[in-house]
Amino acid sequence: MNGLGFEGSYLGNAAKIADDAILECKICWMPYDPQLGDEVRQIPPGTPFRALPDDWRCPQCDGEKAQFMVADAGTAAPDPMAQHIASVSERLVAEFREVHHAKMRDMPLTNPALHVEAAGFCAHEGMVLGVLVAPWFMNIILMPGPGEDWSQIPCGAKELIAFPSGTYEFVHNVRPGLGGYKACSLFSPMDTFGSQLQAMDVARAVLPALFDPQNRADDLAGEPEPEPAPSVVAPSRRALFTGRSAEAPL
């Protein structure tokens, strides 16, 4: 231990944890080394501790992530873009947790088995891209990069954005505590998900599928697909992000 270790490192400012920092479980002393990742949860090598999913636990004793302590602070200074991603994704989750508690908790379309959580947020062409899970929706989210402000974008305006798997329709939104962002609906409502784990497993599969050109299909590329009914994802797109088996139980 180098004196910099402390319990609940992730509950502090995660952006301050270096990308190559090694943390260890205070219960069983199992280390998490970003260079190795975690084969148990299929976390690829090169994944910083602060980028682990919220539901990640110690692969040896099942201890919570908050129980990990910094064992080696690492040498790499935190990347400014990584700091920005951590900041805006945390604000996004906080904003929609507030919406859930203030307005949505008792609404019929809300799935009580789920809570608000971010998945896979990363840099994309100078912007921030990821997936947001909430008890009433799952959306792909685009947010501005450092120094950018989308607060003036017209709410409700639609924009087609191309990815290797096809062209997707995003809707412009602005939230007081977040500013401007763009959202593409994947699932709404969320009644097909029986647990947060199931929802997050699908959410974490979205970005790899989004950037895989082999997922490109006639109804996802070229001409935009017909607009679905409000708040309902088109069946073809639902199939894309669930292994093209929309009828399979989630």
Protein backbone atom coordinates (compact mmCIF):
# COMPACT_ATOMS: atom_id res chain seq x y z
CA MET A 1 0.00 0.00 0.00
CA ASN A 2 1.41 3.38 -0.95
CA GLY A 3 -0.56 5.50 1.52
CA LEU A 4 -2.97 6.72 -1.17
CA GLY A 5 -5.39 3.85 -0.69
CA PHE A 6 -8.81 4.55 0.78
CA GLU A 7 -12.07 2.66 1.05
CA GLY A 8 -14.76 3.54 -1.43
CA SER A 9 -12.43 5.17 -3.96
CA TYR A 10 -15.20 5.17 -6.54
CA LEU A 11 -17.51 7.08 -4.20
CA GLY A 12 -15.09 10.00 -4.28
CA ASN A 13 -14.34 11.83 -7.50
CA ALA A 14 -13.90 8.96 -9.95
CA ALA A 15 -12.28 11.29 -12.47
CA LYS A 16 -9.26 11.56 -10.15
CA ILE A 17 -8.48 7.84 -10.42
CA ALA A 18 -5.78 7.33 -13.05
CA ASP A 19 -6.53 5.05 -15.97
CA ASP A 20 -3.79 2.61 -14.91
CA ALA A 21 -4.51 2.69 -11.16
CA ILE A 22 -4.77 -0.74 -9.50
CA LEU A 23 -7.40 -1.14 -6.81
CA GLU A 24 -7.93 -4.05 -4.44
CA CYS A 25 -10.87 -5.46 -2.51
CA LYS A 26 -10.57 -4.70 1.20
CA ILE A 27 -12.40 -7.96 2.02
CA CYS A 28 -10.32 -10.54 0.15
CA TRP A 29 -7.50 -8.32 -1.26
CA MET A 30 -8.30 -9.36 -4.82
CA PRO A 31 -6.75 -6.71 -7.12
CA TYR A 32 -8.38 -5.15 -10.15
CA ASP A 33 -5.69 -4.40 -12.73
CA PRO A 34 -6.92 -2.35 -15.73
CA GLN A 35 -4.30 -4.01 -17.94
CA LEU A 36 -5.99 -7.38 -17.32
CA GLY A 37 -9.66 -6.45 -17.10
CA ASP A 38 -12.01 -9.08 -15.68
CA GLU A 39 -12.72 -12.30 -17.60
CA VAL A 40 -15.55 -13.23 -15.20
CA ARG A 41 -17.65 -10.21 -16.22
CA GLN A 42 -16.15 -9.99 -19.73
CA ILE A 43 -14.51 -6.66 -18.94
CA PRO A 44 -11.86 -6.18 -21.67
CA PRO A 45 -8.22 -5.39 -20.86
CA GLY A 46 -7.55 -1.66 -20.74
CA THR A 47 -10.76 -0.80 -18.85
CA PRO A 48 -10.04 1.68 -16.00
CA PHE A 49 -11.58 0.93 -12.60
CA ARG A 50 -13.78 4.05 -12.82
CA ALA A 51 -15.24 2.76 -16.12
CA LEU A 52 -16.49 -0.51 -14.61
CA PRO A 53 -20.29 -0.97 -14.59
CA ASP A 54 -22.12 0.14 -11.47
CA ASP A 55 -23.13 -3.46 -10.72
CA TRP A 56 -19.58 -4.82 -11.03
CA ARG A 57 -18.46 -6.78 -7.97
CA CYS A 58 -15.29 -8.51 -6.82
CA PRO A 59 -14.91 -11.69 -8.94
CA GLN A 60 -13.41 -13.53 -5.95
CA CYS A 61 -15.66 -12.69 -2.97
CA ASP A 62 -18.55 -10.77 -4.60
CA GLY A 63 -17.72 -7.66 -2.58
CA GLU A 64 -19.13 -4.33 -3.72
CA LYS A 65 -17.09 -1.99 -5.89
CA ALA A 66 -17.27 0.64 -3.13
CA GLN A 67 -15.16 -1.68 -0.96
CA PHE A 68 -12.14 -1.37 -3.24
CA MET A 69 -9.13 0.68 -2.19
CA VAL A 70 -6.35 2.21 -4.28
CA ALA A 71 -3.32 -0.08 -4.07
CA ASP A 72 -1.25 1.56 -6.81
CA ALA A 73 -2.20 5.09 -7.85
CA GLY A 74 -0.63 4.57 -11.27
CA THR A 75 1.41 6.97 -13.30
CA ALA A 76 -0.94 8.15 -16.00
CA ALA A 77 -2.65 11.48 -15.37
CA PRO A 78 -6.42 11.35 -15.83
CA ASP A 79 -7.42 12.16 -19.39
CA PRO A 80 -9.38 15.48 -19.62
CA MET A 81 -11.93 13.85 -21.92
CA ALA A 82 -12.32 10.99 -19.45
CA GLN A 83 -12.90 13.53 -16.71
CA HIS A 84 -15.54 15.24 -18.84
CA ILE A 85 -17.25 11.91 -19.59
CA ALA A 86 -17.34 11.03 -15.90
CA SER A 87 -18.76 14.45 -15.04
CA VAL A 88 -21.52 14.63 -17.67
CA SER A 89 -22.60 11.00 -17.23
CA GLU A 90 -22.89 11.52 -13.46
CA ARG A 91 -24.98 14.66 -14.06
CA LEU A 92 -27.16 12.76 -16.54
CA VAL A 93 -27.88 10.01 -14.02
CA ALA A 94 -28.54 12.53 -11.24
CA GLU A 95 -30.94 14.49 -13.45
CA PHE A 96 -33.05 11.47 -14.37
CA ARG A 97 -33.01 10.07 -10.85
CA GLU A 98 -34.59 13.36 -9.84
CA VAL A 99 -37.16 13.04 -12.63
CA HIS A 100 -37.94 9.51 -11.46
CA HIS A 101 -38.41 10.51 -7.83
CA ALA A 102 -40.34 13.71 -8.60
CA LYS A 103 -42.61 12.66 -11.46
CA MET A 104 -42.32 9.06 -12.67
CA ARG A 105 -42.13 6.77 -9.64
CA ASP A 106 -45.86 5.91 -9.53
CA MET A 107 -46.62 6.14 -13.25
CA PRO A 108 -48.06 2.94 -14.80
CA LEU A 109 -45.35 2.73 -17.49
CA THR A 110 -42.56 2.70 -14.86
CA ASN A 111 -40.92 -0.67 -14.15
CA PRO A 112 -40.34 -0.86 -10.35
CA ALA A 113 -37.58 -3.46 -10.83
CA LEU A 114 -35.34 -0.88 -12.53
CA HIS A 115 -33.43 2.24 -11.57
CA VAL A 116 -31.53 4.96 -13.46
CA GLU A 117 -28.03 3.89 -14.56
CA ALA A 118 -25.56 4.81 -17.29
CA ALA A 119 -23.82 2.23 -19.49
CA GLY A 120 -20.75 2.42 -21.71
CA PHE A 121 -20.25 6.18 -21.90
CA CYS A 122 -17.23 7.02 -24.05
CA ALA A 123 -15.80 9.60 -26.44
CA HIS A 124 -17.19 9.68 -29.97
CA GLU A 125 -16.03 12.24 -32.53
CA GLY A 126 -15.40 14.81 -29.79
CA MET A 127 -18.79 14.14 -28.17
CA VAL A 128 -19.92 11.83 -25.36
CA LEU A 129 -21.88 8.72 -26.33
CA GLY A 130 -23.52 6.09 -24.15
CA VAL A 131 -26.73 4.40 -23.08
CA LEU A 132 -29.06 5.51 -20.30
CA VAL A 133 -31.34 3.01 -18.56
CA ALA A 134 -34.34 4.32 -16.62
CA PRO A 135 -37.42 2.56 -15.25
CA TRP A 136 -39.43 3.85 -18.22
CA PHE A 137 -36.95 3.94 -21.13
CA MET A 138 -33.59 2.91 -22.57
CA ASN A 139 -32.02 5.52 -24.84
CA ILE A 140 -28.77 6.06 -26.72
CA ILE A 141 -27.50 9.44 -25.50
CA LEU A 142 -25.21 11.96 -27.21
CA MET A 143 -23.86 14.87 -25.17
CA PRO A 144 -21.48 17.70 -26.12
CA GLY A 145 -17.73 17.48 -25.66
CA PRO A 146 -15.66 19.73 -23.39
CA GLY A 147 -16.30 23.43 -23.96
CA GLU A 148 -19.43 22.83 -26.08
CA ASP A 149 -22.96 23.89 -25.16
CA TRP A 150 -26.07 22.46 -26.79
CA SER A 151 -28.51 24.38 -24.60
CA GLN A 152 -29.75 26.36 -27.60
CA ILE A 153 -30.75 23.33 -29.67
CA PRO A 154 -34.51 23.35 -30.38
CA CYS A 155 -36.27 20.82 -28.14
CA GLY A 156 -38.11 18.16 -30.10
CA ALA A 157 -36.13 18.66 -33.31
CA LYS A 158 -35.08 15.41 -34.96
CA GLU A 159 -31.69 14.59 -36.43
CA LEU A 160 -30.50 11.55 -38.38
CA ILE A 161 -27.04 10.40 -37.25
CA ALA A 162 -25.06 7.72 -39.06
CA PHE A 163 -23.15 4.90 -37.36
CA PRO A 164 -21.49 1.85 -38.92
CA SER A 165 -24.63 -0.24 -38.27
CA GLY A 166 -27.01 2.27 -39.85
CA THR A 167 -28.70 5.65 -39.53
CA TYR A 168 -30.55 6.49 -36.33
CA GLU A 169 -33.04 9.20 -35.43
CA PHE A 170 -32.10 11.33 -32.43
CA VAL A 171 -34.38 13.86 -30.75
CA HIS A 172 -32.97 17.08 -29.29
CA ASN A 173 -33.68 17.71 -25.59
CA VAL A 174 -32.64 20.21 -22.91
CA ARG A 175 -32.72 19.62 -19.15
CA PRO A 176 -32.12 22.43 -16.61
CA GLY A 177 -29.43 20.55 -14.69
CA LEU A 178 -27.82 19.03 -17.74
CA GLY A 179 -28.10 21.34 -20.74
CA GLY A 180 -28.65 20.11 -24.26
CA TYR A 181 -28.35 16.49 -25.37
CA LYS A 182 -29.65 14.15 -28.06
CA ALA A 183 -31.53 10.88 -27.47
CA CYS A 184 -32.42 7.88 -29.61
CA SER A 185 -35.15 5.65 -28.17
CA LEU A 186 -34.40 1.91 -27.95
CA PHE A 187 -37.02 0.65 -25.50
CA SER A 188 -40.06 2.32 -23.96
CA PRO A 189 -41.77 1.19 -21.85
CA MET A 190 -39.38 -1.20 -20.07
CA ASP A 191 -41.86 -3.88 -18.99
CA THR A 192 -40.02 -6.67 -20.83
CA PHE A 193 -37.08 -6.43 -18.39
CA GLY A 194 -37.35 -8.46 -15.20
CA SER A 195 -34.32 -7.00 -13.45
CA GLN A 196 -31.72 -4.26 -13.57
CA LEU A 197 -29.09 -6.84 -14.48
CA GLN A 198 -31.03 -7.87 -17.59
CA ALA A 199 -31.54 -4.27 -18.66
CA MET A 200 -27.86 -3.42 -18.15
CA ASP A 201 -26.69 -6.50 -20.05
CA VAL A 202 -28.67 -5.25 -23.07
CA ALA A 203 -27.51 -1.66 -22.54
CA ARG A 204 -23.85 -2.71 -22.51
CA ALA A 205 -24.37 -4.60 -25.78
CA VAL A 206 -25.73 -1.54 -27.58
CA LEU A 207 -22.52 0.35 -28.43
CA PRO A 208 -20.63 -2.71 -29.77
CA ALA A 209 -23.67 -3.44 -31.96
CA LEU A 210 -23.94 0.21 -32.99
CA PHE A 211 -20.39 0.22 -34.32
CA ASP A 212 -20.51 -3.21 -35.96
CA PRO A 213 -21.12 -2.86 -39.72
CA GLN A 214 -22.22 -6.49 -39.85
CA ASN A 215 -25.38 -5.41 -38.05
CA ARG A 216 -26.27 -3.11 -40.92
CA ALA A 217 -29.65 -4.09 -42.36
CA ASP A 218 -31.79 -2.66 -45.13
CA ASP A 219 -34.21 -1.10 -42.68
CA LEU A 220 -31.42 0.53 -40.64
CA ALA A 221 -29.25 1.99 -43.38
CA GLY A 222 -29.67 4.39 -46.29
CA GLU A 223 -33.23 5.65 -46.21
CA PRO A 224 -34.45 6.25 -42.65
CA GLU A 225 -36.85 3.59 -41.42
CA PRO A 226 -40.53 4.56 -41.01
CA GLU A 227 -41.09 6.50 -37.83
CA PRO A 228 -42.47 4.18 -35.11
CA ALA A 229 -45.35 5.01 -32.82
CA PRO A 230 -44.36 7.47 -30.09
CA SER A 231 -42.15 5.99 -27.37
CA VAL A 232 -42.03 2.57 -29.03
CA VAL A 233 -38.86 1.26 -30.64
CA ALA A 234 -39.20 -0.30 -34.11
CA PRO A 235 -39.07 -4.14 -33.92
CA SER A 236 -36.06 -4.35 -36.27
CA ARG A 237 -34.03 -2.01 -34.07
CA ARG A 238 -35.09 -3.83 -30.92
CA ALA A 239 -33.87 -7.05 -32.54
CA LEU A 240 -30.53 -5.47 -33.43
CA PHE A 241 -29.69 -4.72 -29.81
CA THR A 242 -30.97 -8.02 -28.40
CA GLY A 243 -29.15 -10.31 -30.79
CA ARG A 244 -31.88 -10.03 -33.44
CA SER A 245 -34.23 -12.14 -31.33
CA ALA A 246 -36.91 -9.69 -30.21
CA GLU A 247 -39.26 -12.50 -29.28
CA ALA A 248 -36.77 -14.09 -26.89
CA PRO A 249 -37.39 -13.42 -23.18
CA LEU A 250 -35.09 -10.78 -21.72
